[in-house]
Protein backbone atom coordinates (compact mmCIF):
# COMPACT_ATOMS: atom_id res chain seq x y z
CA MET A 1 -51.85 4.23 -69.36
CA LYS A 2 -49.25 2.35 -71.29
CA LYS A 3 -47.08 5.45 -71.65
CA TYR A 4 -47.26 6.10 -67.82
CA THR A 5 -46.20 2.44 -67.14
CA GLU A 6 -43.27 2.61 -69.60
CA ASN A 7 -42.14 6.11 -67.88
CA LEU A 8 -42.37 4.32 -64.38
CA LYS A 9 -40.09 1.56 -65.66
CA SER A 10 -37.48 3.97 -67.09
CA ALA A 11 -37.45 5.68 -63.87
CA ILE A 12 -36.92 2.79 -61.73
CA LEU A 13 -34.25 1.45 -64.15
CA ALA A 14 -32.41 4.95 -63.83
CA ILE A 15 -32.54 4.75 -60.13
CA CYS A 16 -31.21 1.12 -60.20
CA LEU A 17 -28.46 2.26 -62.62
CA LEU A 18 -27.45 5.23 -60.41
CA SER A 19 -27.23 3.02 -57.26
CA SER A 20 -24.99 0.62 -58.95
CA ILE A 21 -22.74 3.42 -60.05
CA LEU A 22 -22.65 5.00 -56.63
CA THR A 23 -21.80 1.60 -54.85
CA ALA A 24 -18.93 0.98 -57.48
CA CYS A 25 -17.70 4.47 -56.71
CA GLY A 26 -17.78 3.83 -53.07
CA THR A 27 -20.22 6.51 -52.35
CA ASP A 28 -22.52 4.24 -50.19
CA LYS A 29 -20.12 2.00 -48.70
CA SER A 30 -22.75 0.83 -46.00
CA THR A 31 -24.32 -1.52 -48.73
CA THR A 32 -21.22 -3.56 -49.17
CA GLU A 33 -18.93 -3.50 -46.11
CA PRO A 34 -19.02 -2.13 -42.54
CA ILE A 35 -17.56 1.26 -41.58
CA THR A 36 -14.51 0.68 -39.64
CA PRO A 37 -14.49 2.84 -36.41
CA ASP A 38 -11.68 4.89 -35.28
CA PRO A 39 -8.91 2.73 -33.69
CA VAL A 40 -8.90 2.89 -29.71
CA ALA A 41 -5.46 4.01 -28.57
CA THR A 42 -3.74 1.20 -26.78
CA THR A 43 -0.60 3.28 -25.77
CA GLY A 44 -0.06 6.81 -24.94
CA ASP A 45 1.62 9.55 -22.87
CA VAL A 46 -1.09 9.35 -20.34
CA THR A 47 -2.75 6.32 -18.92
CA ILE A 48 -6.30 6.88 -17.81
CA TYR A 49 -8.91 4.87 -15.80
CA VAL A 50 -12.45 5.71 -15.99
CA THR A 51 -15.54 4.41 -14.17
CA THR A 52 -19.06 5.78 -14.39
CA ASN A 53 -21.76 5.34 -12.06
CA ASN A 54 -24.00 3.21 -14.54
CA ARG A 55 -21.10 0.99 -15.29
CA SER A 56 -20.84 2.24 -19.09
CA SER A 57 -17.28 2.56 -18.23
CA ASP A 58 -15.99 -0.19 -15.67
CA PHE A 59 -12.42 0.82 -14.68
CA ALA A 60 -11.73 1.19 -18.28
CA LYS A 61 -8.26 1.59 -19.44
CA LYS A 62 -7.53 4.45 -21.77
CA PHE A 63 -4.55 6.39 -23.15
CA VAL A 64 -4.16 10.02 -24.56
CA ASP A 65 -1.19 11.81 -25.82
CA PHE A 66 0.35 15.23 -24.71
CA SER A 67 -1.11 18.31 -26.86
CA LYS A 68 1.23 19.56 -29.40
CA THR A 69 -0.54 22.98 -29.54
CA SER A 70 -0.20 25.78 -26.86
CA ASN A 71 -2.81 25.48 -24.07
CA MET A 72 -5.52 28.19 -24.09
CA SER A 73 -8.08 26.12 -22.52
CA PRO A 74 -10.17 27.87 -19.59
CA THR A 75 -10.86 24.45 -17.88
CA THR A 76 -7.14 24.02 -17.09
CA ILE A 77 -6.01 22.47 -13.71
CA THR A 78 -2.14 23.16 -13.12
CA LEU A 79 -0.33 20.85 -10.91
CA ASP A 80 2.12 22.40 -8.46
CA PRO A 81 4.97 20.00 -7.25
CA THR A 82 6.49 22.88 -5.05
CA THR A 83 3.48 22.65 -2.77
CA THR A 84 3.64 19.44 -0.85
CA TYR A 85 1.50 17.78 1.75
CA GLN A 86 1.57 14.36 3.22
CA THR A 87 3.49 11.27 1.95
CA MET A 88 1.04 8.30 0.93
CA ASP A 89 1.39 4.90 2.57
CA GLY A 90 -1.38 3.02 0.42
CA PHE A 91 -4.81 2.06 -0.35
CA GLY A 92 -6.73 -1.30 0.23
CA ALA A 93 -9.23 -3.35 2.22
CA ALA A 94 -9.68 -5.74 5.11
CA ILE A 95 -8.76 -9.35 4.60
CA THR A 96 -11.13 -10.84 7.38
CA GLY A 97 -11.88 -14.50 7.92
CA SER A 98 -15.21 -14.17 5.95
CA THR A 99 -13.13 -12.66 3.04
CA CYS A 100 -10.86 -15.65 3.17
CA TYR A 101 -13.57 -18.05 3.52
CA ASN A 102 -15.03 -16.73 0.35
CA LEU A 103 -11.80 -16.62 -1.64
CA LEU A 104 -10.90 -20.17 -0.67
CA LYS A 105 -14.28 -21.43 -1.91
CA MET A 106 -13.32 -20.06 -5.47
CA ALA A 107 -11.59 -22.15 -8.05
CA GLN A 108 -7.90 -21.44 -7.78
CA ALA A 109 -7.72 -20.04 -11.44
CA ASP A 110 -10.71 -17.64 -10.62
CA ARG A 111 -9.14 -16.53 -7.28
CA THR A 112 -5.71 -15.90 -8.72
CA LYS A 113 -7.34 -13.83 -11.55
CA PHE A 114 -9.26 -11.84 -9.02
CA LEU A 115 -6.14 -11.31 -6.64
CA LYS A 116 -4.17 -10.27 -9.72
CA GLU A 117 -6.69 -7.81 -10.93
CA THR A 118 -6.99 -6.39 -7.33
CA PHE A 119 -3.36 -6.45 -6.12
CA SER A 120 -0.87 -6.67 -8.96
CA GLU A 121 1.02 -3.52 -9.85
CA THR A 122 1.49 -4.57 -13.41
CA GLU A 123 -1.58 -6.55 -14.22
CA GLY A 124 -4.34 -4.83 -11.99
CA MET A 125 -5.21 -2.05 -9.49
CA GLY A 126 -2.15 -2.40 -7.41
CA GLN A 127 -3.97 -2.23 -4.02
CA SER A 128 -1.17 -1.65 -1.51
CA TYR A 129 -2.54 -1.74 2.04
CA ILE A 130 -4.37 -4.67 4.00
CA ARG A 131 -6.02 -4.76 7.33
CA ILE A 132 -6.23 -7.74 9.38
CA ALA A 133 -7.38 -8.68 12.94
CA ILE A 134 -5.33 -9.94 15.72
CA GLY A 135 -7.49 -12.94 16.95
CA CYS A 136 -11.24 -12.64 15.79
CA SER A 137 -13.27 -9.79 14.44
CA ASP A 138 -16.86 -9.39 13.85
CA PHE A 139 -16.27 -10.97 10.38
CA SER A 140 -14.37 -14.00 11.82
CA LEU A 141 -15.64 -17.59 11.46
CA SER A 142 -15.45 -18.00 15.27
CA GLU A 143 -14.77 -16.08 18.46
CA TYR A 144 -11.23 -16.45 19.56
CA THR A 145 -7.95 -14.98 20.60
CA CYS A 146 -4.36 -16.54 20.01
CA TRP A 147 -3.86 -16.82 24.04
CA ASP A 148 -7.37 -17.88 25.33
CA THR A 149 -5.82 -19.93 28.31
CA PRO A 150 -3.37 -18.10 30.79
CA GLY A 151 0.38 -19.33 30.39
CA ILE A 152 2.66 -18.27 27.73
CA GLU A 153 2.89 -21.84 26.65
CA ASN A 154 -0.61 -21.57 25.50
CA PHE A 155 -0.08 -18.80 23.03
CA GLY A 156 -0.45 -19.76 19.49
CA LEU A 157 -1.85 -18.95 16.12
CA GLN A 158 -5.25 -20.57 15.62
CA ASN A 159 -7.07 -22.35 12.84
CA GLU A 160 -8.46 -19.11 11.24
CA GLU A 161 -4.99 -17.78 10.93
CA ASN A 162 -3.34 -20.98 9.83
CA ASN A 163 -6.05 -22.26 7.37
CA TYR A 164 -7.65 -19.10 6.23
CA ILE A 165 -5.94 -15.79 6.66
CA ILE A 166 -2.25 -16.77 6.18
CA PRO A 167 -2.93 -18.76 3.01
CA ILE A 168 -4.80 -15.86 1.44
CA LEU A 169 -2.00 -13.42 2.65
CA LYS A 170 0.80 -15.57 1.01
CA GLU A 171 -1.12 -15.67 -2.29
CA ILE A 172 -1.38 -11.79 -2.14
CA LEU A 173 2.18 -11.20 -1.16
CA ALA A 174 3.18 -13.56 -4.07
CA ILE A 175 1.50 -11.12 -6.40
CA ASN A 176 2.40 -8.06 -4.65
CA PRO A 177 5.40 -8.39 -2.22
CA ASN A 178 5.39 -4.73 -1.20
CA ILE A 179 1.77 -4.81 0.29
CA LYS A 180 1.82 -3.12 3.81
CA ILE A 181 -0.29 -4.87 6.54
CA ILE A 182 -2.02 -3.19 9.56
CA ALA A 183 -3.44 -5.31 12.49
CA ALA A 184 -5.83 -4.53 15.47
CA PRO A 185 -7.31 -6.78 17.97
CA TRP A 186 -11.16 -6.60 18.59
CA THR A 187 -10.79 -8.13 22.09
CA SER A 188 -8.11 -9.06 24.58
CA PRO A 189 -8.05 -12.52 25.79
CA ARG A 190 -11.18 -12.89 28.05
CA TRP A 191 -8.97 -13.78 31.12
CA MET A 192 -7.39 -10.24 30.97
CA LYS A 193 -10.59 -8.46 31.15
CA VAL A 194 -12.63 -7.01 34.10
CA ASN A 195 -16.00 -5.22 34.31
CA ASN A 196 -14.72 -2.07 35.12
CA LEU A 197 -11.53 -0.36 36.57
CA THR A 198 -13.25 0.35 39.84
CA ASP A 199 -14.62 -3.02 40.92
CA LEU A 200 -11.88 -5.07 38.70
CA GLN A 201 -14.13 -8.24 38.70
CA PRO A 202 -13.41 -10.80 36.16
CA PHE A 203 -15.51 -10.41 32.92
CA ASN A 204 -15.57 -13.56 30.93
CA SER A 205 -17.30 -12.05 27.88
CA TRP A 206 -16.10 -11.58 24.17
CA THR A 207 -18.20 -8.38 24.45
CA SER A 208 -17.18 -5.17 26.24
CA GLY A 209 -15.24 -5.26 29.30
CA GLN A 210 -11.94 -3.35 30.10
CA LEU A 211 -8.45 -4.46 30.10
CA ASN A 212 -7.13 -5.40 33.74
CA PRO A 213 -4.15 -3.06 34.28
CA ILE A 214 -2.40 -5.93 36.01
CA TYR A 215 -2.20 -7.64 32.50
CA TYR A 216 -0.84 -4.65 30.55
CA SER A 217 2.68 -6.25 30.50
CA ASP A 218 1.06 -9.55 29.50
CA TYR A 219 -1.03 -8.02 26.66
CA GLY A 220 2.12 -6.14 25.34
CA THR A 221 3.65 -9.79 25.19
CA TYR A 222 0.75 -11.01 23.22
CA PHE A 223 1.20 -8.16 20.62
CA VAL A 224 4.96 -8.95 20.37
CA LYS A 225 4.47 -12.80 20.10
CA TRP A 226 1.80 -12.57 17.47
CA ILE A 227 3.90 -10.20 15.31
CA GLN A 228 6.67 -12.60 15.67
CA ALA A 229 4.45 -15.58 14.94
CA MET A 230 3.09 -13.89 11.65
CA ALA A 231 6.63 -13.06 10.62
CA ALA A 232 7.58 -16.69 11.12
CA LYS A 233 4.96 -17.46 8.57
CA GLY A 234 6.23 -14.91 6.11
CA VAL A 235 3.77 -12.28 6.86
CA THR A 236 5.54 -8.79 8.00
CA ILE A 237 2.98 -6.64 10.22
CA ASN A 238 3.86 -3.10 9.32
CA ALA A 239 1.58 -1.45 12.00
CA VAL A 240 -0.91 -2.17 14.82
CA THR A 241 -3.47 -0.37 16.58
CA PRO A 242 -3.99 -1.15 20.29
CA GLN A 243 -7.78 -1.81 19.94
CA ASN A 244 -10.34 -1.63 17.20
CA GLU A 245 -13.17 0.93 17.93
CA PRO A 246 -12.12 1.38 21.72
CA LEU A 247 -15.33 3.22 22.45
CA ASN A 248 -17.53 0.67 21.05
CA ARG A 249 -18.64 -1.89 23.77
CA GLY A 250 -21.30 -3.42 21.68
CA ASN A 251 -19.45 -5.32 18.84
CA SER A 252 -19.63 -9.09 18.78
CA ALA A 253 -15.77 -9.14 19.91
CA SER A 254 -14.93 -5.78 21.77
CA LEU A 255 -13.17 -4.14 24.48
CA TYR A 256 -13.58 -0.61 26.05
CA MET A 257 -10.42 1.33 26.03
CA GLY A 258 -10.44 5.13 26.94
CA TRP A 259 -7.70 7.36 26.12
CA GLU A 260 -6.13 7.19 29.35
CA GLU A 261 -6.14 3.51 29.27
CA GLN A 262 -4.68 3.39 25.98
CA LEU A 263 -2.04 5.93 27.03
CA ALA A 264 -1.04 3.78 30.10
CA PHE A 265 -0.84 0.51 27.96
CA ILE A 266 1.32 2.08 25.12
CA LYS A 267 3.58 3.88 27.58
CA THR A 268 4.21 1.07 30.19
CA ALA A 269 3.83 -2.04 27.92
CA LEU A 270 3.19 -2.08 24.22
CA GLY A 271 5.72 0.64 23.37
CA PRO A 272 8.61 -0.67 25.35
CA LYS A 273 7.87 -4.38 24.61
CA LEU A 274 8.04 -3.78 20.70
CA LYS A 275 11.01 -1.63 21.08
CA ALA A 276 12.84 -4.48 23.35
CA ALA A 277 11.99 -6.91 20.78
CA GLY A 278 13.54 -5.02 17.99
CA LEU A 279 10.22 -4.63 16.31
CA ALA A 280 9.80 -1.66 13.89
CA THR A 281 6.04 -2.12 14.02
CA LYS A 282 4.32 1.10 13.83
CA ILE A 283 1.68 2.09 16.57
CA TYR A 284 -1.47 4.04 15.48
CA LEU A 285 -3.90 5.29 18.14
CA PHE A 286 -7.58 5.30 18.36
CA ASP A 287 -9.12 3.32 15.24
CA HIS A 288 -12.63 4.73 15.66
CA ASN A 289 -15.03 7.37 14.73
CA TYR A 290 -14.64 11.16 13.96
CA ASP A 291 -17.18 11.99 16.76
CA TYR A 292 -15.55 9.88 19.38
CA ASP A 293 -18.79 8.14 19.67
CA LYS A 294 -20.14 11.27 21.21
CA VAL A 295 -18.44 10.57 24.34
CA ALA A 296 -17.38 13.99 25.52
CA SER A 297 -14.53 12.97 27.98
CA GLN A 298 -13.01 11.05 24.81
CA ASN A 299 -12.93 14.07 22.44
CA ASP A 300 -9.42 14.64 20.66
CA TYR A 301 -8.46 11.17 21.80
CA PRO A 302 -5.04 10.95 20.10
CA VAL A 303 -4.09 14.66 20.93
CA ASN A 304 -4.79 13.61 24.64
CA ILE A 305 -2.19 10.72 24.40
CA TYR A 306 0.28 12.81 22.33
CA LYS A 307 0.52 15.36 25.33
CA ASP A 308 2.35 12.60 27.18
CA ALA A 309 5.80 12.88 25.70
CA ALA A 310 6.99 9.40 26.69
CA ALA A 311 3.77 7.66 25.22
CA ALA A 312 3.93 9.88 22.01
CA ALA A 313 7.44 8.91 21.23
CA TYR A 314 6.14 5.34 20.60
CA VAL A 315 3.27 6.49 18.29
CA ALA A 316 3.32 7.18 14.49
CA GLY A 317 -0.09 8.70 14.52
CA ALA A 318 -3.93 7.96 14.70
CA ALA A 319 -6.47 5.95 12.63
CA TYR A 320 -10.09 6.97 12.10
CA HIS A 321 -13.43 5.37 10.88
CA ASN A 322 -16.35 7.29 9.60
CA TYR A 323 -19.65 5.68 11.15
CA GLY A 324 -19.96 8.96 13.15
CA GLY A 325 -19.06 12.42 12.65
CA ASP A 326 -17.16 14.29 9.74
CA LYS A 327 -13.92 13.90 7.92
CA ALA A 328 -13.10 17.60 9.11
CA GLU A 329 -11.93 15.95 12.10
CA LEU A 330 -8.82 14.65 10.55
CA LEU A 331 -7.99 18.24 9.60
CA ASP A 332 -8.38 19.54 13.10
CA ILE A 333 -6.30 16.66 14.45
CA HIS A 334 -3.69 17.39 11.92
CA ASN A 335 -3.49 20.97 12.83
CA GLN A 336 -3.20 20.22 16.50
CA ARG A 337 -0.50 17.89 15.73
CA PRO A 338 1.01 18.09 12.36
CA ASP A 339 3.98 16.03 13.31
CA LYS A 340 2.15 12.90 13.70
CA ASP A 341 0.32 10.92 10.79
CA LEU A 342 -3.21 10.18 9.92
CA ILE A 343 -4.55 7.11 8.26
CA PHE A 344 -8.31 6.07 7.62
CA THR A 345 -8.78 2.21 8.46
CA GLU A 346 -12.52 1.43 8.26
CA THR A 347 -15.68 2.23 6.40
CA SER A 348 -18.68 0.02 5.43
CA ILE A 349 -21.37 -0.16 2.81
CA GLY A 350 -24.65 -2.12 3.57
CA THR A 351 -28.40 -2.28 3.44
CA TRP A 352 -28.75 0.94 5.57
CA ASN A 353 -26.91 3.18 2.87
CA ASP A 354 -28.20 1.42 -0.19
CA GLY A 355 -24.64 -0.03 -0.45
CA GLN A 356 -25.03 -1.88 -3.69
CA ASN A 357 -26.42 1.13 -5.61
CA LEU A 358 -23.34 2.32 -7.60
CA SER A 359 -25.30 5.22 -9.04
CA THR A 360 -25.18 7.06 -5.64
CA ARG A 361 -22.51 5.20 -3.61
CA LEU A 362 -19.73 5.64 -6.15
CA MET A 363 -19.92 9.48 -5.90
CA ASP A 364 -20.61 9.76 -2.38
CA ASP A 365 -17.98 7.25 -1.23
CA MET A 366 -15.29 8.75 -3.37
CA GLN A 367 -16.18 12.50 -2.15
CA ASP A 368 -16.16 11.41 1.47
CA VAL A 369 -13.92 8.56 1.85
CA GLY A 370 -11.64 8.39 -1.17
CA LEU A 371 -10.84 12.09 -2.01
CA GLY A 372 -12.19 13.46 1.19
CA THR A 373 -9.93 11.69 3.81
CA ILE A 374 -6.83 12.35 1.50
CA ASN A 375 -7.58 16.11 1.26
CA ASN A 376 -7.63 16.26 4.80
CA TRP A 377 -4.29 14.62 5.31
CA SER A 378 -4.82 10.92 5.48
CA LYS A 379 -1.86 8.79 4.25
CA ALA A 380 -3.83 5.66 3.67
CA VAL A 381 -7.47 4.65 2.88
CA ILE A 382 -8.52 1.12 3.91
CA VAL A 383 -12.35 -0.09 3.59
CA TRP A 384 -13.69 -2.98 5.39
CA ASN A 385 -14.23 -6.42 3.96
CA LEU A 386 -12.76 -6.99 0.51
CA MET A 387 -15.22 -9.96 -0.31
CA LEU A 388 -18.49 -11.10 1.19
CA ASP A 389 -20.97 -13.41 -0.30
CA THR A 390 -24.51 -12.64 -1.58
CA GLU A 391 -25.96 -13.49 1.70
CA ARG A 392 -23.49 -10.77 3.26
CA GLY A 393 -21.55 -13.33 5.00
CA PRO A 394 -20.26 -15.33 6.32
CA ASN A 395 -21.32 -13.35 9.57
CA ARG A 396 -22.04 -14.00 13.19
CA GLU A 397 -24.79 -12.88 15.49
CA GLY A 398 -23.67 -9.47 17.26
CA GLY A 399 -21.63 -8.53 14.21
CA CYS A 400 -22.74 -6.68 11.13
CA GLN A 401 -25.25 -8.87 9.36
CA THR A 402 -26.33 -6.04 6.87
CA CYS A 403 -22.97 -5.24 5.36
CA TYR A 404 -21.73 -5.66 1.84
CA GLY A 405 -18.16 -6.17 0.76
CA ALA A 406 -16.11 -4.09 -1.54
CA VAL A 407 -16.93 -7.03 -3.86
CA ASP A 408 -19.64 -9.58 -3.35
CA ILE A 409 -19.43 -13.05 -4.64
CA ASN A 410 -22.34 -15.37 -5.77
CA LYS A 411 -22.82 -17.92 -3.05
CA SER A 412 -24.46 -20.37 -5.56
CA ASP A 413 -21.25 -20.49 -7.81
CA TYR A 414 -18.33 -18.66 -5.90
CA LYS A 415 -17.43 -17.34 -9.23
CA THR A 416 -19.61 -14.43 -10.29
CA ILE A 417 -18.60 -11.36 -8.53
CA THR A 418 -20.33 -7.85 -8.31
CA LYS A 419 -18.14 -4.97 -7.80
CA ASN A 420 -19.21 -2.27 -5.37
CA SER A 421 -18.35 1.28 -4.73
CA HIS A 422 -15.55 0.50 -2.40
CA TYR A 423 -13.58 -1.59 -4.72
CA TYR A 424 -13.71 1.18 -7.32
CA ILE A 425 -12.71 4.22 -5.10
CA ILE A 426 -9.65 2.18 -3.76
CA GLY A 427 -8.74 0.90 -7.22
CA HIS A 428 -8.83 4.44 -8.65
CA LEU A 429 -6.52 5.63 -5.99
CA SER A 430 -4.10 2.55 -5.92
CA ALA A 431 -3.85 2.35 -9.82
CA VAL A 432 -2.05 5.75 -10.07
CA VAL A 433 -1.02 6.83 -6.72
CA LYS A 434 1.94 4.56 -5.46
CA PRO A 435 3.25 4.17 -1.82
CA GLY A 436 5.76 6.89 -1.11
CA ALA A 437 3.79 9.31 -3.61
CA VAL A 438 3.57 13.01 -2.22
CA ARG A 439 0.30 14.81 -2.57
CA ILE A 440 1.07 18.18 -4.10
CA GLY A 441 -0.81 21.40 -5.04
CA ALA A 442 -3.12 21.79 -7.86
CA SER A 443 -5.08 25.00 -8.87
CA GLY A 444 -7.04 26.44 -11.87
CA TYR A 445 -10.49 25.21 -13.01
CA SER A 446 -12.94 24.47 -10.40
CA ALA A 447 -16.71 23.64 -10.35
CA THR A 448 -19.37 22.54 -7.76
CA GLY A 449 -19.26 18.66 -8.14
CA VAL A 450 -15.64 18.49 -9.35
CA THR A 451 -13.10 17.17 -6.63
CA TYR A 452 -9.46 16.06 -7.16
CA SER A 453 -6.30 15.30 -5.66
CA ALA A 454 -2.83 15.51 -7.35
CA PHE A 455 0.22 13.53 -6.35
CA LYS A 456 3.88 13.02 -7.59
CA ASN A 457 5.31 9.27 -7.44
CA THR A 458 8.73 8.41 -6.25
CA ASP A 459 9.52 7.58 -10.10
CA GLY A 460 8.98 11.20 -10.98
CA THR A 461 5.48 10.36 -12.54
CA TYR A 462 2.19 12.42 -11.86
CA ALA A 463 -0.98 11.12 -10.74
CA PHE A 464 -4.29 12.78 -10.71
CA VAL A 465 -7.68 11.46 -9.48
CA LEU A 466 -10.74 13.49 -10.20
CA LEU A 467 -14.39 12.99 -9.35
CA ASN A 468 -17.02 14.54 -11.56
CA ASN A 469 -20.16 14.41 -9.60
CA THR A 470 -22.25 16.49 -12.12
CA THR A 471 -24.67 15.55 -14.96
CA ASP A 472 -22.31 17.41 -17.26
CA VAL A 473 -19.33 16.13 -19.42
CA LYS A 474 -16.25 18.13 -18.29
CA ASN A 475 -13.50 18.69 -20.91
CA ILE A 476 -10.60 19.27 -18.55
CA THR A 477 -7.01 20.19 -19.49
CA LEU A 478 -4.30 18.98 -17.04
CA SER A 479 -0.82 20.74 -16.96
CA ASP A 480 2.27 19.81 -15.08
CA GLY A 481 3.79 23.21 -16.10
CA VAL A 482 5.66 21.81 -19.00
CA LYS A 483 3.22 19.15 -20.72
CA HIS A 484 -0.40 19.41 -21.12
CA PHE A 485 -3.36 17.20 -22.30
CA SER A 486 -7.22 17.26 -22.39
CA TYR A 487 -9.77 14.70 -21.69
CA SER A 488 -13.53 14.61 -21.71
CA VAL A 489 -14.65 13.53 -18.24
CA PRO A 490 -17.95 11.63 -18.37
CA SER A 491 -20.71 13.01 -16.01
CA LYS A 492 -21.10 10.86 -12.85
CA SER A 493 -17.48 9.47 -13.12
CA ILE A 494 -14.30 9.15 -11.54
CA VAL A 495 -11.12 9.39 -13.61
CA SER A 496 -7.53 8.62 -12.63
CA TYR A 497 -4.61 9.57 -14.73
CA ARG A 498 -0.87 8.85 -14.51
CA TRP A 499 1.89 10.35 -16.63
């Protein structure tokens, strides 16, 4: 036993001695100092943004360099700037009364930080297009227009514009003065409404009704006065639509306006009035669903108006929402009138489509709304409320009480923000695709679940936005015909590139 004990002690001593020698020689560094990870690139030839549907990457900014070796990758996508499509106007969200209310509840420093992250071209996503209401919307703090009493002397911007909308727009414009703004009325002043175009009886309701033709001229003046009033406050209105969701009679603030009415209003009043006032504000038709709310007589709504040359001369194009029908309608309208523009102006997430579940919504919304509309000729993508609170408000009866915002702010502190799918899909586009960029061709590698769009910016840089809606990592090489680089795209992710 004594001999066994001595041998054991000798073995232990030998092991300890060997460990000391290995440590001194640096063979086992983990016992004395942490292993230094490879440095993360902070600069590079290509800027990349990555968001995964499990938030493991949350709009993460990364960099890679061009490859110095020849490209033999079978998963190469090659850009083709000689094939061109539409010129892009921008990407953004709606700045509603509810959005502004929530933003103004934030501490100034927190609000400025969020607005910079969202709109700054140098410090954030660079969102570039905003939608606002002319008068109230279903996400306003009250029901009103800017001319609720007859007599032009009674026209004027109201509390919501002066104390909520305009102050927020000014903060945004100070961050990004190049922002475009499109506006739409949810309803005309009630004194301009009738029950229908046969009886022509007064219709004193915020909801439904139709515009009395005898007030076409006055309503055209309303648009002009409102655009001029906003300009006097330092807010330029780049475009308008004559009516938000003109086939929807049921919204809390609404007005039915079939294509025949919209044609007559534009041709006889809105178009001539804007022109006479020297306003360059564009007019977009329709502003409603792909399926025309299943009203057969309203199919191809904008095309019917384009057939009248005098009316069409005042019109830049048409706007669409996605609450009914399919984005393929955009391609159909483009093919019928390729000389007219298309923009996408509203989509919502809410309790009905599991709107806060990023694992599904990020993929679906980028597929159908982000890249889906662009690949069908849309020049802009705008989602609904930029910010709602954690009780989906402020909201009103008759409006959407089940909607989420692009982001939701905690009502208990007006500080904690949850970013939803719409915030990411817009940010992934606006961060790399700048206003004036041209969508270009791209070909090569393809796979089910992989969708993309390619662009060339006005400064000569390329932009590429890719959706990987698969469970596999995709090691994809991008080539502009001169330079190439590779990046491993995570599963279930959106990746945006600029170089």
